[in-house]
C-alpha atoms as a PDB file:
ATOM      1  CA  MET A   1     -21.964   1.337  15.429  1.00  0.00           C
ATOM      2  CA  GLU A   2     -22.872  -2.236  14.586  1.00  0.00           C
ATOM      3  CA  LEU A   3     -21.724  -3.377  11.153  1.00  0.00           C
ATOM      4  CA  PRO A   4     -22.949  -6.337   9.148  1.00  0.00           C
ATOM      5  CA  LYS A   5     -20.499  -9.204   8.756  1.00  0.00           C
ATOM      6  CA  PHE A   6     -20.185  -8.598   4.982  1.00  0.00           C
ATOM      7  CA  LEU A   7     -20.528  -5.500   2.798  1.00  0.00           C
ATOM      8  CA  LEU A   8     -20.657  -5.158  -0.990  1.00  0.00           C
ATOM      9  CA  GLY A   9     -18.495  -2.458  -2.509  1.00  0.00           C
ATOM     10  CA  ASP A  10     -17.567  -1.012  -5.867  1.00  0.00           C
ATOM     11  CA  ASN A  11     -15.409   1.795  -7.125  1.00  0.00           C
ATOM     12  CA  THR A  12     -15.416   3.683 -10.418  1.00  0.00           C
ATOM     13  CA  ASP A  13     -11.623   3.382 -10.611  1.00  0.00           C
ATOM     14  CA  PHE A  14     -12.207  -0.390 -10.938  1.00  0.00           C
ATOM     15  CA  PRO A  15     -15.296  -0.466 -13.185  1.00  0.00           C
ATOM     16  CA  THR A  16     -15.427  -4.243 -13.674  1.00  0.00           C
ATOM     17  CA  ALA A  17     -14.611  -5.216 -10.090  1.00  0.00           C
ATOM     18  CA  LEU A  18     -16.991  -5.945  -7.256  1.00  0.00           C
ATOM     19  CA  PHE A  19     -15.692  -6.267  -3.720  1.00  0.00           C
ATOM     20  CA  ILE A  20     -16.923  -8.036  -0.621  1.00  0.00           C
ATOM     21  CA  VAL A  21     -15.637  -6.676   2.680  1.00  0.00           C
ATOM     22  CA  HIS A  22     -15.535  -8.984   5.682  1.00  0.00           C
ATOM     23  CA  THR A  23     -15.813  -6.693   8.743  1.00  0.00           C
ATOM     24  CA  GLU A  24     -15.052  -9.184  11.533  1.00  0.00           C
ATOM     25  CA  TYR A  25     -11.732 -10.755  12.496  1.00  0.00           C
ATOM     26  CA  PRO A  26      -9.929 -11.680  10.364  1.00  0.00           C
ATOM     27  CA  ARG A  27     -10.939  -8.747   8.176  1.00  0.00           C
ATOM     28  CA  PHE A  28     -10.426  -9.017   4.461  1.00  0.00           C
ATOM     29  CA  ILE A  29     -11.581  -7.762   1.069  1.00  0.00           C
ATOM     30  CA  ILE A  30     -12.157 -10.116  -1.820  1.00  0.00           C
ATOM     31  CA  ASN A  31     -12.301  -8.917  -5.398  1.00  0.00           C
ATOM     32  CA  LEU A  32     -14.894 -11.056  -7.144  1.00  0.00           C
ATOM     33  CA  GLU A  33     -13.531 -10.155 -10.554  1.00  0.00           C
ATOM     34  CA  ASN A  34     -10.344 -12.159  -9.983  1.00  0.00           C
ATOM     35  CA  ASP A  35     -10.878 -13.795  -6.542  1.00  0.00           C
ATOM     36  CA  GLU A  36      -7.913 -11.879  -5.121  1.00  0.00           C
ATOM     37  CA  VAL A  37      -8.033 -11.584  -1.317  1.00  0.00           C
ATOM     38  CA  GLU A  38      -6.466  -8.715   0.643  1.00  0.00           C
ATOM     39  CA  TRP A  39      -6.141  -9.434   4.369  1.00  0.00           C
ATOM     40  CA  LEU A  40      -6.482  -6.334   6.582  1.00  0.00           C
ATOM     41  CA  GLU A  41      -4.773  -7.943   9.579  1.00  0.00           C
ATOM     42  CA  ASP A  42      -1.162  -8.620  10.487  1.00  0.00           C
ATOM     43  CA  PHE A  43      -0.725 -12.302  11.269  1.00  0.00           C
ATOM     44  CA  THR A  44       1.863 -14.150  13.273  1.00  0.00           C
ATOM     45  CA  SER A  45       3.098 -17.537  12.024  1.00  0.00           C
ATOM     46  CA  GLU A  46       0.736 -19.183  14.547  1.00  0.00           C
ATOM     47  CA  ASP A  47      -2.173 -17.136  13.210  1.00  0.00           C
ATOM     48  CA  GLU A  48      -1.339 -18.111   9.649  1.00  0.00           C
ATOM     49  CA  LYS A  49      -1.724 -21.810  10.422  1.00  0.00           C
ATOM     50  CA  GLU A  50      -5.175 -21.190  11.924  1.00  0.00           C
ATOM     51  CA  LEU A  51      -6.066 -18.869   9.049  1.00  0.00           C
ATOM     52  CA  GLU A  52      -5.254 -21.509   6.437  1.00  0.00           C
ATOM     53  CA  ALA A  53      -7.849 -23.754   8.001  1.00  0.00           C
ATOM     54  CA  GLU A  54     -10.516 -21.014   8.222  1.00  0.00           C
ATOM     55  CA  ALA A  55      -9.812 -19.066   5.015  1.00  0.00           C
ATOM     56  CA  GLU A  56     -11.680 -21.398   2.661  1.00  0.00           C
ATOM     57  CA  ASN A  57     -14.746 -21.303   4.917  1.00  0.00           C
ATOM     58  CA  LEU A  58     -14.687 -17.495   5.166  1.00  0.00           C
ATOM     59  CA  ILE A  59     -14.343 -17.050   1.407  1.00  0.00           C
ATOM     60  CA  GLN A  60     -17.229 -19.473   0.836  1.00  0.00           C
ATOM     61  CA  GLN A  61     -19.345 -17.445   3.304  1.00  0.00           C
ATOM     62  CA  ALA A  62     -18.470 -14.264   1.367  1.00  0.00           C
ATOM     63  CA  THR A  63     -19.477 -15.908  -1.917  1.00  0.00           C
ATOM     64  CA  ASP A  64     -22.735 -17.151  -0.409  1.00  0.00           C
ATOM     65  CA  PHE A  65     -23.437 -13.616   0.856  1.00  0.00           C
ATOM     66  CA  TYR A  66     -22.906 -12.238  -2.635  1.00  0.00           C
ATOM     67  CA  ASP A  67     -25.202 -14.840  -4.200  1.00  0.00           C
ATOM     68  CA  ARG A  68     -27.900 -14.063  -1.604  1.00  0.00           C
ATOM     69  CA  GLU A  69     -27.651 -10.333  -2.197  1.00  0.00           C
ATOM     70  CA  VAL A  70     -27.789 -10.654  -5.973  1.00  0.00           C
ATOM     71  CA  SER A  71     -30.810 -12.958  -5.763  1.00  0.00           C
ATOM     72  CA  ARG A  72     -32.643 -10.269  -3.735  1.00  0.00           C
ATOM     73  CA  TYR A  73     -32.203  -7.770  -6.576  1.00  0.00           C
ATOM     74  CA  ASP A  74     -33.919 -10.218  -8.915  1.00  0.00           C
ATOM     75  CA  GLU A  75     -37.017 -10.518  -6.710  1.00  0.00           C
END
């Protein structure tokens, strides 16, 4: 199965939260309510250095995805 790079998610147990799931490496979930990020990978110390450089870019891509999706509802 081919998955999109980002998915929107919600859950009635968290009624005010909206989540973006990044499905490619490094996989993560960001809670847009509080900008908390949960990484779904185990990283080595070498990976963490590379991740620091890429994390800001990935989170910006997730935010851009959300903005694009929301704008499509308004059309």
